[in-house]
């Protein structure tokens, strides 16, 4: 069974499109982190503590922001609009290890992932996350074993 078969989603496209971008980012953060953790478990033999240390490297705001800026031209017009809305969302939280611009783009990245996921565009979510992993971290994962 695919994961989407276990997750009931009763909202339609219009309802999802009207949600706050911070709701999309909330979901996107969870989806992204689950994907990263699963990827690390699949590609390493680390214990839980080491898995956690490595996962932190993948979910840093600066890395998400850099990837989104580099990948932006590969997005559809609808996806670019979602990124713009996520980047401009009024979020008053700032993590201690990111500057404001990095955090805005990381929120936009997570909003995009969450928006696509909520709209059941699982293949696109997987494609974007895998591009991020392969572009940014493939060499590091190969060195981990």
N, C-alpha and C. Protein backbone atom coordinates (compact mmCIF):
# COMPACT_ATOMS: atom_id res chain seq x y z
N UNK A 1 0.83 -1.19 0.00
CA UNK A 1 0.00 0.00 0.00
C UNK A 1 0.88 1.25 0.00
N UNK A 2 0.38 2.27 -0.62
CA UNK A 2 1.08 3.55 -0.63
C UNK A 2 0.65 4.36 0.59
N UNK A 3 1.52 5.25 1.02
CA UNK A 3 1.23 6.04 2.21
C UNK A 3 -0.05 6.86 2.05
N UNK A 4 -0.30 7.34 0.86
CA UNK A 4 -1.50 8.18 0.66
C UNK A 4 -2.79 7.41 0.91
N UNK A 5 -2.73 6.09 0.85
CA UNK A 5 -3.93 5.29 1.12
C UNK A 5 -4.28 5.27 2.61
N UNK A 6 -3.33 5.64 3.46
CA UNK A 6 -3.55 5.65 4.90
C UNK A 6 -3.95 7.02 5.43
N UNK A 7 -3.81 8.03 4.62
CA UNK A 7 -4.02 9.40 5.10
C UNK A 7 -5.31 9.95 4.51
N UNK A 8 -6.35 10.05 5.34
CA UNK A 8 -7.59 10.62 4.82
C UNK A 8 -7.45 12.13 4.63
N UNK A 9 -7.90 12.61 3.51
CA UNK A 9 -7.88 14.05 3.25
C UNK A 9 -9.21 14.40 2.62
N UNK A 10 -9.95 15.24 3.30
CA UNK A 10 -11.31 15.54 2.88
C UNK A 10 -11.46 16.93 2.26
N UNK A 11 -10.40 17.69 2.23
CA UNK A 11 -10.47 19.03 1.65
C UNK A 11 -10.21 18.95 0.15
N UNK A 12 -10.86 19.83 -0.57
CA UNK A 12 -10.64 19.85 -2.02
C UNK A 12 -9.63 20.95 -2.36
N UNK A 13 -9.30 21.02 -3.65
CA UNK A 13 -8.29 21.96 -4.13
C UNK A 13 -8.59 23.40 -3.69
N UNK A 14 -9.82 23.81 -3.83
CA UNK A 14 -10.18 25.19 -3.49
C UNK A 14 -9.98 25.47 -2.00
N UNK A 15 -10.36 24.53 -1.16
CA UNK A 15 -10.17 24.72 0.29
C UNK A 15 -8.68 24.77 0.64
N UNK A 16 -7.91 23.90 0.03
CA UNK A 16 -6.47 23.87 0.29
C UNK A 16 -5.82 25.16 -0.20
N UNK A 17 -6.23 25.63 -1.36
CA UNK A 17 -5.66 26.86 -1.93
C UNK A 17 -5.94 28.08 -1.05
N UNK A 18 -7.01 28.04 -0.28
CA UNK A 18 -7.38 29.17 0.59
C UNK A 18 -6.75 29.09 1.98
N UNK A 19 -6.06 28.01 2.27
CA UNK A 19 -5.39 27.89 3.58
C UNK A 19 -4.24 28.88 3.69
N UNK A 20 -3.89 29.17 4.91
CA UNK A 20 -2.71 29.98 5.17
C UNK A 20 -1.46 29.25 4.68
N UNK A 21 -0.53 29.96 4.05
CA UNK A 21 0.73 29.33 3.67
C UNK A 21 1.49 28.74 4.86
N UNK A 22 1.23 29.26 6.05
CA UNK A 22 1.89 28.70 7.23
C UNK A 22 1.33 27.33 7.57
N UNK A 23 0.08 27.05 7.22
CA UNK A 23 -0.48 25.71 7.37
C UNK A 23 0.20 24.77 6.38
N UNK A 24 0.37 25.22 5.15
CA UNK A 24 1.09 24.40 4.16
C UNK A 24 2.50 24.09 4.67
N UNK A 25 3.18 25.11 5.21
CA UNK A 25 4.54 24.93 5.71
C UNK A 25 4.57 23.96 6.89
N UNK A 26 3.57 24.02 7.74
CA UNK A 26 3.47 23.11 8.88
C UNK A 26 3.42 21.67 8.40
N UNK A 27 2.58 21.41 7.40
CA UNK A 27 2.47 20.06 6.84
C UNK A 27 3.74 19.71 6.07
N UNK A 28 4.24 20.65 5.28
CA UNK A 28 5.44 20.41 4.48
C UNK A 28 6.65 20.08 5.33
N UNK A 29 6.77 20.72 6.47
CA UNK A 29 7.87 20.44 7.39
C UNK A 29 7.82 18.98 7.83
N UNK A 30 6.64 18.51 8.17
CA UNK A 30 6.47 17.11 8.61
C UNK A 30 6.77 16.13 7.48
N UNK A 31 6.22 16.39 6.31
CA UNK A 31 6.42 15.51 5.16
C UNK A 31 7.91 15.46 4.79
N UNK A 32 8.53 16.62 4.74
CA UNK A 32 9.94 16.70 4.38
C UNK A 32 10.82 15.96 5.40
N UNK A 33 10.57 16.20 6.68
CA UNK A 33 11.39 15.55 7.70
C UNK A 33 11.21 14.04 7.69
N UNK A 34 9.99 13.56 7.49
CA UNK A 34 9.76 12.12 7.41
C UNK A 34 10.51 11.53 6.22
N UNK A 35 10.49 12.23 5.10
CA UNK A 35 11.20 11.76 3.91
C UNK A 35 12.71 11.69 4.19
N UNK A 36 13.25 12.73 4.81
CA UNK A 36 14.68 12.78 5.11
C UNK A 36 15.06 11.64 6.06
N UNK A 37 14.28 11.47 7.12
CA UNK A 37 14.59 10.41 8.08
C UNK A 37 14.54 9.04 7.41
N UNK A 38 13.54 8.82 6.58
CA UNK A 38 13.42 7.54 5.88
C UNK A 38 14.59 7.35 4.93
N UNK A 39 14.98 8.41 4.23
CA UNK A 39 16.12 8.33 3.32
C UNK A 39 17.39 7.95 4.07
N UNK A 40 17.62 8.55 5.22
CA UNK A 40 18.83 8.26 5.99
C UNK A 40 18.82 6.82 6.52
N UNK A 41 17.66 6.37 6.99
CA UNK A 41 17.56 4.99 7.46
C UNK A 41 17.85 4.02 6.32
N UNK A 42 17.38 4.36 5.14
CA UNK A 42 17.56 3.49 3.98
C UNK A 42 19.00 3.50 3.45
N UNK A 43 19.74 4.59 3.66
CA UNK A 43 21.07 4.72 3.06
C UNK A 43 22.23 4.66 4.06
N UNK A 44 21.94 4.45 5.33
CA UNK A 44 23.01 4.35 6.33
C UNK A 44 22.69 3.22 7.30
N UNK A 45 23.65 2.96 8.16
CA UNK A 45 23.46 1.99 9.25
C UNK A 45 23.65 2.67 10.59
N UNK A 46 23.26 3.93 10.70
CA UNK A 46 23.48 4.71 11.91
C UNK A 46 22.53 4.31 13.03
N UNK A 47 22.98 4.59 14.25
CA UNK A 47 22.10 4.43 15.40
C UNK A 47 21.18 5.65 15.47
N UNK A 48 20.14 5.62 16.30
CA UNK A 48 19.17 6.73 16.32
C UNK A 48 19.79 8.10 16.60
N UNK A 49 20.77 8.17 17.48
CA UNK A 49 21.39 9.47 17.78
C UNK A 49 22.10 10.03 16.55
N UNK A 50 22.87 9.19 15.87
CA UNK A 50 23.60 9.63 14.67
C UNK A 50 22.61 9.99 13.55
N UNK A 51 21.51 9.23 13.44
CA UNK A 51 20.47 9.56 12.45
C UNK A 51 19.93 10.97 12.72
N UNK A 52 19.69 11.26 13.98
CA UNK A 52 19.17 12.59 14.34
C UNK A 52 20.17 13.69 13.97
N UNK A 53 21.44 13.46 14.29
CA UNK A 53 22.48 14.46 13.98
C UNK A 53 22.55 14.71 12.47
N UNK A 54 22.49 13.65 11.68
CA UNK A 54 22.54 13.81 10.22
C UNK A 54 21.27 14.48 9.69
N UNK A 55 20.12 14.11 10.22
CA UNK A 55 18.86 14.70 9.74
C UNK A 55 18.85 16.21 9.94
N UNK A 56 19.42 16.66 11.05
CA UNK A 56 19.47 18.10 11.31
C UNK A 56 20.15 18.85 10.17
N UNK A 57 21.19 18.25 9.59
CA UNK A 57 21.90 18.89 8.48
C UNK A 57 20.99 19.08 7.27
N UNK A 58 20.07 18.16 7.07
CA UNK A 58 19.19 18.19 5.91
C UNK A 58 18.06 19.21 6.07
N UNK A 59 17.66 19.46 7.29
CA UNK A 59 16.48 20.32 7.48
C UNK A 59 16.83 21.75 7.88
N UNK A 60 18.08 22.12 7.77
CA UNK A 60 18.48 23.49 8.09
C UNK A 60 17.84 24.48 7.12
N UNK A 61 17.39 25.58 7.65
CA UNK A 61 16.73 26.61 6.85
C UNK A 61 17.63 27.09 5.71
N UNK A 62 18.90 27.28 5.99
CA UNK A 62 19.82 27.77 4.96
C UNK A 62 19.93 26.83 3.78
N UNK A 63 19.95 25.53 4.04
CA UNK A 63 20.03 24.55 2.95
C UNK A 63 18.74 24.52 2.14
N UNK A 64 17.60 24.60 2.81
CA UNK A 64 16.32 24.62 2.10
C UNK A 64 16.20 25.87 1.25
N UNK A 65 16.61 27.01 1.80
CA UNK A 65 16.54 28.28 1.07
C UNK A 65 17.43 28.25 -0.16
N UNK A 66 18.65 27.76 -0.01
CA UNK A 66 19.58 27.69 -1.14
C UNK A 66 19.03 26.79 -2.24
N UNK A 67 18.52 25.64 -1.86
CA UNK A 67 17.96 24.74 -2.87
C UNK A 67 16.81 25.40 -3.60
N UNK A 68 15.89 26.01 -2.87
CA UNK A 68 14.72 26.62 -3.52
C UNK A 68 15.14 27.71 -4.50
N UNK A 69 16.08 28.53 -4.12
CA UNK A 69 16.54 29.58 -5.03
C UNK A 69 17.14 28.99 -6.30
N UNK A 70 17.91 27.91 -6.17
CA UNK A 70 18.53 27.27 -7.33
C UNK A 70 17.54 26.48 -8.18
N UNK A 71 16.49 25.97 -7.57
CA UNK A 71 15.52 25.12 -8.25
C UNK A 71 14.33 25.91 -8.79
N UNK A 72 14.23 27.16 -8.41
CA UNK A 72 13.05 27.99 -8.68
C UNK A 72 12.61 27.95 -10.15
N UNK A 73 13.54 28.04 -11.06
CA UNK A 73 13.19 28.08 -12.49
C UNK A 73 12.58 26.76 -12.99
N UNK A 74 12.71 25.71 -12.23
CA UNK A 74 12.13 24.41 -12.59
C UNK A 74 10.69 24.25 -12.09
N UNK A 75 10.19 25.26 -11.42
CA UNK A 75 8.83 25.19 -10.88
C UNK A 75 7.82 25.68 -11.91
N UNK A 76 6.61 25.17 -11.81
CA UNK A 76 5.51 25.66 -12.65
C UNK A 76 5.10 27.04 -12.14
N UNK A 77 4.30 27.74 -12.93
CA UNK A 77 3.81 29.05 -12.50
C UNK A 77 2.98 28.94 -11.22
N UNK A 78 2.17 27.91 -11.12
CA UNK A 78 1.37 27.70 -9.89
C UNK A 78 2.30 27.48 -8.70
N UNK A 79 3.33 26.67 -8.88
CA UNK A 79 4.27 26.41 -7.79
C UNK A 79 5.03 27.69 -7.40
N UNK A 80 5.39 28.50 -8.37
CA UNK A 80 6.06 29.78 -8.07
C UNK A 80 5.15 30.68 -7.25
N UNK A 81 3.86 30.65 -7.55
CA UNK A 81 2.90 31.44 -6.78
C UNK A 81 2.81 30.92 -5.34
N UNK A 82 2.83 29.63 -5.17
CA UNK A 82 2.80 29.04 -3.83
C UNK A 82 4.06 29.43 -3.06
N UNK A 83 5.21 29.40 -3.72
CA UNK A 83 6.47 29.82 -3.10
C UNK A 83 6.39 31.28 -2.69
N UNK A 84 5.88 32.14 -3.57
CA UNK A 84 5.75 33.56 -3.23
C UNK A 84 4.86 33.75 -2.01
N UNK A 85 3.74 33.06 -1.99
CA UNK A 85 2.83 33.17 -0.85
C UNK A 85 3.48 32.66 0.44
N UNK A 86 4.23 31.55 0.34
CA UNK A 86 4.91 31.02 1.51
C UNK A 86 6.02 31.94 2.00
N UNK A 87 6.75 32.53 1.07
CA UNK A 87 7.85 33.44 1.42
C UNK A 87 7.32 34.70 2.10
N UNK A 88 6.15 35.16 1.66
CA UNK A 88 5.60 36.41 2.19
C UNK A 88 4.68 36.21 3.38
N UNK A 89 4.52 34.97 3.83
CA UNK A 89 3.65 34.70 4.99
C UNK A 89 4.19 35.43 6.21
N UNK A 90 3.30 35.96 6.99
CA UNK A 90 3.68 36.75 8.16
C UNK A 90 3.95 35.82 9.34
N UNK A 91 5.19 35.39 9.46
CA UNK A 91 5.58 34.49 10.52
C UNK A 91 6.49 35.25 11.48
N UNK A 92 6.15 35.23 12.74
CA UNK A 92 6.91 36.01 13.73
C UNK A 92 7.97 35.20 14.44
N UNK A 93 8.16 33.97 13.99
CA UNK A 93 9.16 33.10 14.62
C UNK A 93 10.43 33.11 13.78
N UNK A 94 11.55 33.16 14.43
CA UNK A 94 12.84 33.09 13.73
C UNK A 94 13.76 32.16 14.50
N UNK A 95 14.21 31.07 13.88
CA UNK A 95 15.12 30.17 14.59
C UNK A 95 16.46 30.84 14.82
N UNK A 96 17.18 30.35 15.80
CA UNK A 96 18.44 30.99 16.16
C UNK A 96 19.57 30.75 15.16
N UNK A 97 19.41 29.78 14.26
CA UNK A 97 20.49 29.46 13.32
C UNK A 97 20.17 29.85 11.88
N UNK A 98 19.31 30.84 11.68
CA UNK A 98 18.97 31.29 10.33
C UNK A 98 18.71 32.79 10.35
N UNK A 99 19.05 33.44 9.23
CA UNK A 99 18.70 34.84 9.14
C UNK A 99 17.27 34.96 8.58
N UNK A 100 16.74 36.15 8.54
CA UNK A 100 15.35 36.36 8.14
C UNK A 100 15.10 35.87 6.71
N UNK A 101 15.99 36.20 5.78
CA UNK A 101 15.79 35.80 4.39
C UNK A 101 15.83 34.27 4.24
N UNK A 102 16.79 33.63 4.89
CA UNK A 102 16.85 32.17 4.83
C UNK A 102 15.56 31.55 5.37
N UNK A 103 15.10 32.07 6.46
CA UNK A 103 13.90 31.52 7.08
C UNK A 103 12.68 31.73 6.19
N UNK A 104 12.59 32.87 5.53
CA UNK A 104 11.47 33.13 4.62
C UNK A 104 11.47 32.13 3.46
N UNK A 105 12.64 31.87 2.89
CA UNK A 105 12.73 30.92 1.78
C UNK A 105 12.54 29.48 2.25
N UNK A 106 13.02 29.15 3.45
CA UNK A 106 12.79 27.81 3.99
C UNK A 106 11.30 27.60 4.24
N UNK A 107 10.62 28.62 4.74
CA UNK A 107 9.17 28.53 4.92
C UNK A 107 8.48 28.35 3.58
N UNK A 108 8.96 29.05 2.56
CA UNK A 108 8.40 28.91 1.21
C UNK A 108 8.60 27.50 0.68
N UNK A 109 9.79 26.92 0.90
CA UNK A 109 10.07 25.55 0.48
C UNK A 109 9.11 24.58 1.17
N UNK A 110 8.96 24.71 2.48
CA UNK A 110 8.07 23.83 3.23
C UNK A 110 6.61 24.05 2.83
N UNK A 111 6.25 25.28 2.54
CA UNK A 111 4.88 25.56 2.08
C UNK A 111 4.61 24.86 0.75
N UNK A 112 5.57 24.90 -0.14
CA UNK A 112 5.42 24.23 -1.43
C UNK A 112 5.23 22.73 -1.24
N UNK A 113 6.06 22.13 -0.42
CA UNK A 113 5.95 20.69 -0.16
C UNK A 113 4.59 20.37 0.47
N UNK A 114 4.19 21.15 1.44
CA UNK A 114 2.90 20.92 2.09
C UNK A 114 1.72 21.11 1.16
N UNK A 115 1.77 22.15 0.35
CA UNK A 115 0.70 22.43 -0.60
C UNK A 115 0.55 21.27 -1.60
N UNK A 116 1.66 20.84 -2.16
CA UNK A 116 1.62 19.73 -3.12
C UNK A 116 1.12 18.46 -2.46
N UNK A 117 1.59 18.21 -1.26
CA UNK A 117 1.18 17.01 -0.54
C UNK A 117 -0.33 17.03 -0.25
N UNK A 118 -0.82 18.15 0.26
CA UNK A 118 -2.24 18.25 0.58
C UNK A 118 -3.11 18.10 -0.67
N UNK A 119 -2.58 18.51 -1.81
CA UNK A 119 -3.30 18.37 -3.07
C UNK A 119 -3.02 17.02 -3.74
N UNK A 120 -2.43 16.12 -2.99
CA UNK A 120 -2.22 14.74 -3.42
C UNK A 120 -1.28 14.63 -4.63
N UNK A 121 -0.37 15.56 -4.77
CA UNK A 121 0.61 15.53 -5.85
C UNK A 121 1.89 14.86 -5.34
N UNK A 122 1.74 13.62 -4.92
CA UNK A 122 2.81 12.89 -4.25
C UNK A 122 4.04 12.68 -5.13
N UNK A 123 3.82 12.44 -6.40
CA UNK A 123 4.97 12.25 -7.30
C UNK A 123 5.80 13.52 -7.40
N UNK A 124 5.15 14.66 -7.44
CA UNK A 124 5.87 15.93 -7.52
C UNK A 124 6.62 16.21 -6.22
N UNK A 125 6.00 15.91 -5.09
CA UNK A 125 6.67 16.06 -3.79
C UNK A 125 7.94 15.22 -3.78
N UNK A 126 7.81 13.98 -4.16
CA UNK A 126 8.95 13.07 -4.17
C UNK A 126 10.03 13.57 -5.13
N UNK A 127 9.65 14.02 -6.29
CA UNK A 127 10.61 14.52 -7.27
C UNK A 127 11.41 15.70 -6.70
N UNK A 128 10.72 16.66 -6.12
CA UNK A 128 11.40 17.85 -5.59
C UNK A 128 12.33 17.48 -4.44
N UNK A 129 11.85 16.66 -3.51
CA UNK A 129 12.68 16.28 -2.37
C UNK A 129 13.89 15.47 -2.83
N UNK A 130 13.68 14.57 -3.76
CA UNK A 130 14.82 13.79 -4.26
C UNK A 130 15.83 14.65 -4.99
N UNK A 131 15.36 15.64 -5.74
CA UNK A 131 16.30 16.58 -6.39
C UNK A 131 17.12 17.30 -5.33
N UNK A 132 16.47 17.70 -4.26
CA UNK A 132 17.16 18.37 -3.16
C UNK A 132 18.23 17.46 -2.56
N UNK A 133 17.85 16.23 -2.26
CA UNK A 133 18.79 15.28 -1.66
C UNK A 133 19.95 15.01 -2.61
N UNK A 134 19.64 14.72 -3.86
CA UNK A 134 20.70 14.37 -4.81
C UNK A 134 21.61 15.55 -5.11
N UNK A 135 21.03 16.73 -5.21
CA UNK A 135 21.84 17.91 -5.52
C UNK A 135 22.71 18.33 -4.34
N UNK A 136 22.13 18.32 -3.18
CA UNK A 136 22.82 18.89 -2.03
C UNK A 136 23.59 17.87 -1.20
N UNK A 137 23.09 16.65 -1.11
CA UNK A 137 23.62 15.75 -0.11
C UNK A 137 24.07 14.38 -0.60
N UNK A 138 23.93 14.07 -1.85
CA UNK A 138 24.27 12.73 -2.33
C UNK A 138 25.71 12.36 -2.00
N UNK A 139 26.63 13.24 -2.20
CA UNK A 139 28.03 12.96 -1.92
C UNK A 139 28.23 12.67 -0.44
N UNK A 140 27.60 13.45 0.43
CA UNK A 140 27.74 13.24 1.87
C UNK A 140 27.18 11.89 2.28
N UNK A 141 26.05 11.49 1.74
CA UNK A 141 25.45 10.20 2.09
C UNK A 141 26.36 9.07 1.63
N UNK A 142 26.96 9.19 0.46
CA UNK A 142 27.87 8.16 -0.03
C UNK A 142 29.07 8.00 0.90
N UNK A 143 29.51 9.08 1.54
CA UNK A 143 30.65 9.03 2.43
C UNK A 143 30.29 8.49 3.82
N UNK A 144 29.00 8.43 4.13
CA UNK A 144 28.59 8.05 5.48
C UNK A 144 28.80 6.59 5.80
N UNK A 145 28.65 5.71 4.83
CA UNK A 145 28.70 4.27 5.10
C UNK A 145 30.02 3.79 5.52
